[in-house]
C-alpha atoms as a PDB file:
ATOM      1  CA  MET A   1      90.638 100.599 100.884  1.00  0.00           C
ATOM      2  CA  THR A   2      90.618  99.607 104.563  1.00  0.00           C
ATOM      3  CA  VAL A   3      94.235  98.428 104.578  1.00  0.00           C
ATOM      4  CA  ASN A   4      96.890 100.662 106.077  1.00  0.00           C
ATOM      5  CA  PHE A   5     100.480 101.228 104.990  1.00  0.00           C
ATOM      6  CA  ARG A   6     101.826  98.921 107.703  1.00  0.00           C
ATOM      7  CA  THR A   7      99.865  95.968 106.287  1.00  0.00           C
ATOM      8  CA  LEU A   8     101.189  96.603 102.782  1.00  0.00           C
ATOM      9  CA  LYS A   9     104.767  96.723 104.068  1.00  0.00           C
ATOM     10  CA  ARG A  10     104.263  93.441 105.922  1.00  0.00           C
ATOM     11  CA  ARG A  11     103.009  91.771 102.741  1.00  0.00           C
ATOM     12  CA  ALA A  12     106.057  92.931 100.784  1.00  0.00           C
ATOM     13  CA  LEU A  13     108.483  91.810 103.500  1.00  0.00           C
ATOM     14  CA  LEU A  14     106.861  88.375 103.586  1.00  0.00           C
ATOM     15  CA  LEU A  15     107.424  87.981  99.848  1.00  0.00           C
ATOM     16  CA  VAL A  16     111.162  88.652 100.138  1.00  0.00           C
ATOM     17  CA  GLY A  17     111.504  86.523 103.285  1.00  0.00           C
ATOM     18  CA  ASP A  18     112.532  89.389 105.555  1.00  0.00           C
ATOM     19  CA  ASP A  19     111.736  89.587 109.274  1.00  0.00           C
ATOM     20  CA  TYR A  20     109.865  92.529 110.753  1.00  0.00           C
ATOM     21  CA  ALA A  21     111.593  95.148 112.865  1.00  0.00           C
ATOM     22  CA  GLU A  22     110.265  98.151 114.765  1.00  0.00           C
ATOM     23  CA  ASP A  23     112.044 101.475 115.173  1.00  0.00           C
ATOM     24  CA  GLY A  24     110.086 104.155 116.997  1.00  0.00           C
ATOM     25  CA  GLY A  25     106.815 102.561 115.986  1.00  0.00           C
ATOM     26  CA  VAL A  26     107.792 102.466 112.285  1.00  0.00           C
ATOM     27  CA  LEU A  27     107.788  99.048 110.627  1.00  0.00           C
ATOM     28  CA  SER A  28     110.839  98.025 108.637  1.00  0.00           C
ATOM     29  CA  GLY A  29     112.594  94.797 107.756  1.00  0.00           C
ATOM     30  CA  SER A  30     115.724  93.293 109.210  1.00  0.00           C
ATOM     31  CA  SER A  31     117.497  93.979 105.912  1.00  0.00           C
ATOM     32  CA  ASN A  32     115.071  96.446 104.324  1.00  0.00           C
ATOM     33  CA  SER A  33     114.879  99.930 105.790  1.00  0.00           C
ATOM     34  CA  ALA A  34     111.721 101.949 106.308  1.00  0.00           C
ATOM     35  CA  ASP A  35     112.994 104.430 103.705  1.00  0.00           C
ATOM     36  CA  LEU A  36     113.390 101.665 101.119  1.00  0.00           C
ATOM     37  CA  LEU A  37     109.905 100.345 101.889  1.00  0.00           C
ATOM     38  CA  LYS A  38     108.497 103.860 101.482  1.00  0.00           C
ATOM     39  CA  ALA A  39     110.267 104.276  98.124  1.00  0.00           C
ATOM     40  CA  ALA A  40     109.015 100.856  96.992  1.00  0.00           C
ATOM     41  CA  ALA A  41     105.426 101.684  97.948  1.00  0.00           C
ATOM     42  CA  ASP A  42     105.542 105.050  96.168  1.00  0.00           C
ATOM     43  CA  ALA A  43     106.874 103.377  93.016  1.00  0.00           C
ATOM     44  CA  ALA A  44     104.207 100.658  93.210  1.00  0.00           C
ATOM     45  CA  LEU A  45     101.362 103.172  93.540  1.00  0.00           C
ATOM     46  CA  ASP A  46     102.569 104.879  90.368  1.00  0.00           C
ATOM     47  CA  ALA A  47     103.150 101.575  88.558  1.00  0.00           C
ATOM     48  CA  VAL A  48      99.454 100.595  88.741  1.00  0.00           C
ATOM     49  CA  LEU A  49      98.240 103.826  87.108  1.00  0.00           C
ATOM     50  CA  PRO A  50      98.056 102.503  83.509  1.00  0.00           C
ATOM     51  CA  TRP A  51      95.527  99.932  84.789  1.00  0.00           C
ATOM     52  CA  CYS A  52      93.903 101.586  87.801  1.00  0.00           C
ATOM     53  CA  TRP A  53      93.837 105.280  88.614  1.00  0.00           C
ATOM     54  CA  LYS A  54      92.012 107.661  90.951  1.00  0.00           C
ATOM     55  CA  ASN A  55      89.007 109.444  89.406  1.00  0.00           C
ATOM     56  CA  GLU A  56      88.811 113.172  90.172  1.00  0.00           C
ATOM     57  CA  THR A  57      86.936 116.260  88.939  1.00  0.00           C
ATOM     58  CA  LEU A  58      87.690 119.974  89.082  1.00  0.00           C
ATOM     59  CA  ALA A  59      85.449 122.905  88.176  1.00  0.00           C
ATOM     60  CA  LEU A  60      87.087 125.682  86.128  1.00  0.00           C
ATOM     61  CA  ALA A  61      85.346 129.060  86.224  1.00  0.00           C
ATOM     62  CA  SER A  62      84.718 131.305  83.229  1.00  0.00           C
ATOM     63  CA  GLY A  63      86.863 134.276  82.227  1.00  0.00           C
ATOM     64  CA  SER A  64      90.149 132.834  80.972  1.00  0.00           C
ATOM     65  CA  TYR A  65      91.833 130.806  78.231  1.00  0.00           C
ATOM     66  CA  SER A  66      94.399 129.001  80.370  1.00  0.00           C
ATOM     67  CA  TYR A  67      94.210 127.318  83.777  1.00  0.00           C
ATOM     68  CA  ASN A  68      96.627 125.465  86.015  1.00  0.00           C
ATOM     69  CA  THR A  69      95.905 121.754  86.255  1.00  0.00           C
ATOM     70  CA  PRO A  70      95.907 119.924  89.615  1.00  0.00           C
ATOM     71  CA  SER A  71      99.278 118.761  90.915  1.00  0.00           C
ATOM     72  CA  ASN A  72      97.967 115.182  91.154  1.00  0.00           C
ATOM     73  CA  LEU A  73      96.829 115.053  87.512  1.00  0.00           C
ATOM     74  CA  TYR A  74      97.934 111.907  85.670  1.00  0.00           C
ATOM     75  CA  ARG A  75      95.807 112.187  82.520  1.00  0.00           C
ATOM     76  CA  ILE A  76      92.831 114.292  81.383  1.00  0.00           C
ATOM     77  CA  GLU A  77      89.808 112.096  80.628  1.00  0.00           C
ATOM     78  CA  GLY A  78      87.321 114.729  79.468  1.00  0.00           C
ATOM     79  CA  VAL A  79      86.289 118.382  79.704  1.00  0.00           C
ATOM     80  CA  LEU A  80      82.551 119.039  80.148  1.00  0.00           C
ATOM     81  CA  ASP A  81      81.111 122.377  79.030  1.00  0.00           C
ATOM     82  CA  GLN A  82      78.655 123.242  81.808  1.00  0.00           C
ATOM     83  CA  ASN A  83      76.591 125.499  79.555  1.00  0.00           C
ATOM     84  CA  SER A  84      75.945 123.105  76.642  1.00  0.00           C
ATOM     85  CA  GLY A  85      76.387 119.815  78.497  1.00  0.00           C
ATOM     86  CA  VAL A  86      78.804 118.670  75.771  1.00  0.00           C
ATOM     87  CA  PHE A  87      82.277 117.234  76.292  1.00  0.00           C
ATOM     88  CA  LEU A  88      84.701 119.530  74.470  1.00  0.00           C
ATOM     89  CA  PRO A  89      87.081 117.888  71.996  1.00  0.00           C
ATOM     90  CA  PRO A  90      90.841 117.979  72.525  1.00  0.00           C
ATOM     91  CA  THR A  91      92.905 119.509  69.769  1.00  0.00           C
ATOM     92  CA  THR A  92      96.129 118.171  68.317  1.00  0.00           C
ATOM     93  CA  LEU A  93      99.307 120.064  67.504  1.00  0.00           C
ATOM     94  CA  ASP A  94      99.115 119.414  63.748  1.00  0.00           C
ATOM     95  CA  PRO A  95     100.541 121.802  61.134  1.00  0.00           C
ATOM     96  CA  GLY A  96      97.765 123.668  59.306  1.00  0.00           C
ATOM     97  CA  ARG A  97      95.157 122.832  61.930  1.00  0.00           C
ATOM     98  CA  TYR A  98      93.237 125.719  63.488  1.00  0.00           C
ATOM     99  CA  PHE A  99      93.068 125.903  67.256  1.00  0.00           C
ATOM    100  CA  GLY A 100      89.338 126.556  67.510  1.00  0.00           C
ATOM    101  CA  TYR A 101      87.357 129.099  65.497  1.00  0.00           C
ATOM    102  CA  GLY A 102      86.710 131.847  68.030  1.00  0.00           C
ATOM    103  CA  LYS A 103      83.219 130.637  68.964  1.00  0.00           C
ATOM    104  CA  GLN A 104      82.208 129.067  72.266  1.00  0.00           C
ATOM    105  CA  GLU A 105      80.409 126.199  70.531  1.00  0.00           C
ATOM    106  CA  ASP A 106      83.643 125.344  68.680  1.00  0.00           C
ATOM    107  CA  ASN A 107      85.819 125.493  71.770  1.00  0.00           C
ATOM    108  CA  SER A 108      88.568 122.915  72.199  1.00  0.00           C
ATOM    109  CA  TRP A 109      91.438 122.332  74.586  1.00  0.00           C
ATOM    110  CA  VAL A 110      95.008 121.140  74.792  1.00  0.00           C
ATOM    111  CA  ASN A 111      96.963 119.900  77.825  1.00  0.00           C
ATOM    112  CA  TYR A 112      99.857 122.252  77.090  1.00  0.00           C
ATOM    113  CA  PRO A 113     102.210 123.549  78.411  1.00  0.00           C
ATOM    114  CA  SER A 114     102.978 121.209  81.284  1.00  0.00           C
ATOM    115  CA  GLY A 115     100.883 121.857  84.351  1.00  0.00           C
ATOM    116  CA  SER A 116      98.126 123.691  82.483  1.00  0.00           C
ATOM    117  CA  ILE A 117      95.146 123.323  80.154  1.00  0.00           C
ATOM    118  CA  THR A 118      94.591 125.877  77.399  1.00  0.00           C
ATOM    119  CA  PHE A 119      91.315 126.540  75.561  1.00  0.00           C
ATOM    120  CA  SER A 120      90.908 127.936  72.045  1.00  0.00           C
ATOM    121  CA  THR A 121      88.109 130.214  73.254  1.00  0.00           C
ATOM    122  CA  GLU A 122      87.728 132.014  76.573  1.00  0.00           C
ATOM    123  CA  LEU A 123      85.403 130.130  78.909  1.00  0.00           C
ATOM    124  CA  THR A 124      82.069 131.831  79.487  1.00  0.00           C
ATOM    125  CA  ASP A 125      78.914 131.338  81.542  1.00  0.00           C
ATOM    126  CA  ASP A 126      79.261 128.350  83.885  1.00  0.00           C
ATOM    127  CA  GLY A 127      82.769 127.279  82.848  1.00  0.00           C
ATOM    128  CA  VAL A 128      83.733 123.628  82.529  1.00  0.00           C
ATOM    129  CA  VAL A 129      84.346 120.569  84.675  1.00  0.00           C
ATOM    130  CA  LEU A 130      87.649 118.796  84.241  1.00  0.00           C
ATOM    131  CA  TYR A 131      87.418 115.005  84.523  1.00  0.00           C
ATOM    132  CA  TYR A 132      90.830 113.509  85.112  1.00  0.00           C
ATOM    133  CA  ALA A 133      92.763 110.473  86.209  1.00  0.00           C
ATOM    134  CA  ALA A 134      94.827 111.288  89.293  1.00  0.00           C
ATOM    135  CA  PHE A 135      97.837 109.844  91.058  1.00  0.00           C
ATOM    136  CA  TRP A 136      97.097 107.902  94.234  1.00  0.00           C
ATOM    137  CA  ASN A 137      98.096 109.678  97.441  1.00  0.00           C
ATOM    138  CA  LYS A 138     101.347 108.317  98.879  1.00  0.00           C
ATOM    139  CA  PRO A 139     101.164 107.146 102.525  1.00  0.00           C
ATOM    140  CA  SER A 140     103.686 108.614 104.932  1.00  0.00           C
ATOM    141  CA  ASP A 141     102.611 107.116 108.261  1.00  0.00           C
ATOM    142  CA  ASP A 142     102.225 103.382 108.944  1.00  0.00           C
ATOM    143  CA  ASN A 143      98.615 103.960 110.027  1.00  0.00           C
ATOM    144  CA  ASP A 144      97.653 105.855 106.857  1.00  0.00           C
ATOM    145  CA  LEU A 145      94.886 104.053 104.973  1.00  0.00           C
ATOM    146  CA  LEU A 146      95.549 103.307 101.316  1.00  0.00           C
ATOM    147  CA  GLU A 147      93.189 104.836  98.757  1.00  0.00           C
ATOM    148  CA  VAL A 148      93.480 102.044  96.198  1.00  0.00           C
ATOM    149  CA  PRO A 149      90.870  99.248  95.850  1.00  0.00           C
ATOM    150  CA  ASP A 150      91.404  96.131  97.950  1.00  0.00           C
ATOM    151  CA  TYR A 151      92.149  94.000  94.889  1.00  0.00           C
ATOM    152  CA  LEU A 152      95.388  95.947  94.313  1.00  0.00           C
ATOM    153  CA  LEU A 153      96.998  94.750  97.543  1.00  0.00           C
ATOM    154  CA  ALA A 154      98.570  91.672  95.924  1.00  0.00           C
ATOM    155  CA  PRO A 155      99.938  93.496  92.835  1.00  0.00           C
ATOM    156  CA  LEU A 156     101.280  96.336  94.984  1.00  0.00           C
ATOM    157  CA  SER A 157     103.054  93.837  97.252  1.00  0.00           C
ATOM    158  CA  LEU A 158     104.636  92.112  94.249  1.00  0.00           C
ATOM    159  CA  TYR A 159     105.919  95.359  92.780  1.00  0.00           C
ATOM    160  CA  MET A 160     107.326  96.372  96.147  1.00  0.00           C
ATOM    161  CA  ALA A 161     109.072  93.000  96.472  1.00  0.00           C
ATOM    162  CA  SER A 162     110.686  93.546  93.069  1.00  0.00           C
ATOM    163  CA  HIS A 163     111.857  96.975  94.205  1.00  0.00           C
ATOM    164  CA  LEU A 164     113.252  95.625  97.485  1.00  0.00           C
ATOM    165  CA  CYS A 165     115.462  93.154  95.602  1.00  0.00           C
ATOM    166  CA  LEU A 166     117.203  95.852  93.553  1.00  0.00           C
ATOM    167  CA  PRO A 167     119.785  97.228  96.059  1.00  0.00           C
ATOM    168  CA  LYS A 168     121.087  93.739  96.863  1.00  0.00           C
ATOM    169  CA  ALA A 169     121.022  92.800  93.169  1.00  0.00           C
ATOM    170  CA  PHE A 170     123.141  95.805  92.248  1.00  0.00           C
ATOM    171  CA  SER A 171     125.577  95.069  95.090  1.00  0.00           C
ATOM    172  CA  ALA A 172     125.875  91.461  93.939  1.00  0.00           C
ATOM    173  CA  ALA A 173     126.514  92.609  90.359  1.00  0.00           C
ATOM    174  CA  ASN A 174     129.392  94.829  91.487  1.00  0.00           C
ATOM    175  CA  ILE A 175     130.993  91.972  93.435  1.00  0.00           C
ATOM    176  CA  ARG A 176     130.533  89.302  90.745  1.00  0.00           C
ATOM    177  CA  GLN A 177     132.273  91.345  88.066  1.00  0.00           C
ATOM    178  CA  TYR A 178     135.544  90.227  89.668  1.00  0.00           C
ATOM    179  CA  GLY A 179     134.642  86.522  89.664  1.00  0.00           C
ATOM    180  CA  THR A 180     136.883  84.325  87.506  1.00  0.00           C
ATOM    181  CA  ARG A 181     135.867  80.762  88.408  1.00  0.00           C
ATOM    182  CA  VAL A 182     133.773  79.101  85.737  1.00  0.00           C
ATOM    183  CA  ASP A 183     131.660  77.182  88.260  1.00  0.00           C
ATOM    184  CA  SER A 184     130.720  80.451  89.972  1.00  0.00           C
ATOM    185  CA  GLY A 185     128.784  81.544  86.895  1.00  0.00           C
ATOM    186  CA  THR A 186     129.262  84.468  84.574  1.00  0.00           C
ATOM    187  CA  PRO A 187     129.214  88.044  85.874  1.00  0.00           C
ATOM    188  CA  GLU A 188     125.751  88.403  84.306  1.00  0.00           C
ATOM    189  CA  ASP A 189     124.345  85.611  86.482  1.00  0.00           C
ATOM    190  CA  ASN A 190     122.541  87.408  89.282  1.00  0.00           C
ATOM    191  CA  PRO A 191     119.866  85.432  91.172  1.00  0.00           C
ATOM    192  CA  LEU A 192     118.644  88.532  93.006  1.00  0.00           C
ATOM    193  CA  MET A 193     118.082  90.418  89.767  1.00  0.00           C
ATOM    194  CA  THR A 194     116.294  87.375  88.366  1.00  0.00           C
ATOM    195  CA  MET A 195     114.098  87.305  91.471  1.00  0.00           C
ATOM    196  CA  SER A 196     113.333  91.021  91.058  1.00  0.00           C
ATOM    197  CA  ASN A 197     112.366  90.504  87.414  1.00  0.00           C
ATOM    198  CA  ASN A 198     110.185  87.516  88.328  1.00  0.00           C
ATOM    199  CA  PHE A 199     108.315  89.584  90.920  1.00  0.00           C
ATOM    200  CA  LEU A 200     107.826  92.269  88.268  1.00  0.00           C
ATOM    201  CA  LYS A 201     106.480  89.741  85.751  1.00  0.00           C
ATOM    202  CA  ARG A 202     104.091  88.394  88.370  1.00  0.00           C
ATOM    203  CA  PHE A 203     102.952  91.955  89.082  1.00  0.00           C
ATOM    204  CA  GLU A 204     102.140  92.464  85.391  1.00  0.00           C
ATOM    205  CA  ILE A 205     100.271  89.145  85.227  1.00  0.00           C
ATOM    206  CA  GLU A 206      98.150  90.111  88.242  1.00  0.00           C
ATOM    207  CA  MET A 207      97.382  93.553  86.810  1.00  0.00           C
ATOM    208  CA  ASN A 208      96.425  92.154  83.396  1.00  0.00           C
ATOM    209  CA  ARG A 209      93.965  89.763  85.069  1.00  0.00           C
ATOM    210  CA  LEU A 210      92.000  92.716  86.433  1.00  0.00           C
ATOM    211  CA  PRO A 211      89.242  94.487  84.456  1.00  0.00           C
ATOM    212  CA  MET A 212      90.550  97.602  82.742  1.00  0.00           C
ATOM    213  CA  MET A 213      89.027 100.860  83.935  1.00  0.00           C
ATOM    214  CA  SER A 214      87.162 102.839  81.264  1.00  0.00           C
ATOM    215  CA  LYS A 215      89.196 105.686  79.798  1.00  0.00           C
ATOM    216  CA  GLY A 216      87.684 108.929  78.578  1.00  0.00           C
ATOM    217  CA  ILE A 217      86.715 108.993  74.897  1.00  0.00           C
ATOM    218  CA  ARG A 218      89.036 111.194  72.884  1.00  0.00           C
END
């Protein structure tokens, strides 16, 4: 993507009707801090993962049963045996089911425990290649370029807008719990929370309009 973090923040601020402000070269809103915009962007980049993720690979050398998985791993898509050229099957934690049969050609794997991948048979020869879906890198500087495809700019902005509404919605909810006038609405009436939910619904609509990325075959 050729869009930087500053552009994404501007799009989100436009959606919530907030003016831009600069503090030491960092873009924020008049009523939305740079920290809140950063938190909203981080949440948005994780929210798109069920639809659109970052494709990564990692080679695992021979000589062990268990390996640490990358810190940015979201989901394992496949494990390719370099020697046979076959994608190894994952195993399931079912009672009475054997975890492999002690032969390289019957090797299998499980993403367990957290942060690791374990094989039923020690890897030999050329090892394997791990194909996995990864988290998108989170921008920290306004000039950082986003990794996501250009078509995610609109959905990301919508999710951020939903996130930006939440602090004010929660503040309004705390104040309205003391309201007693009937014409002021019930304590559950919260236009800001409704706006946040509407942005979230629009985000989901935009994401569902996009073609689904192909997942690894289990």
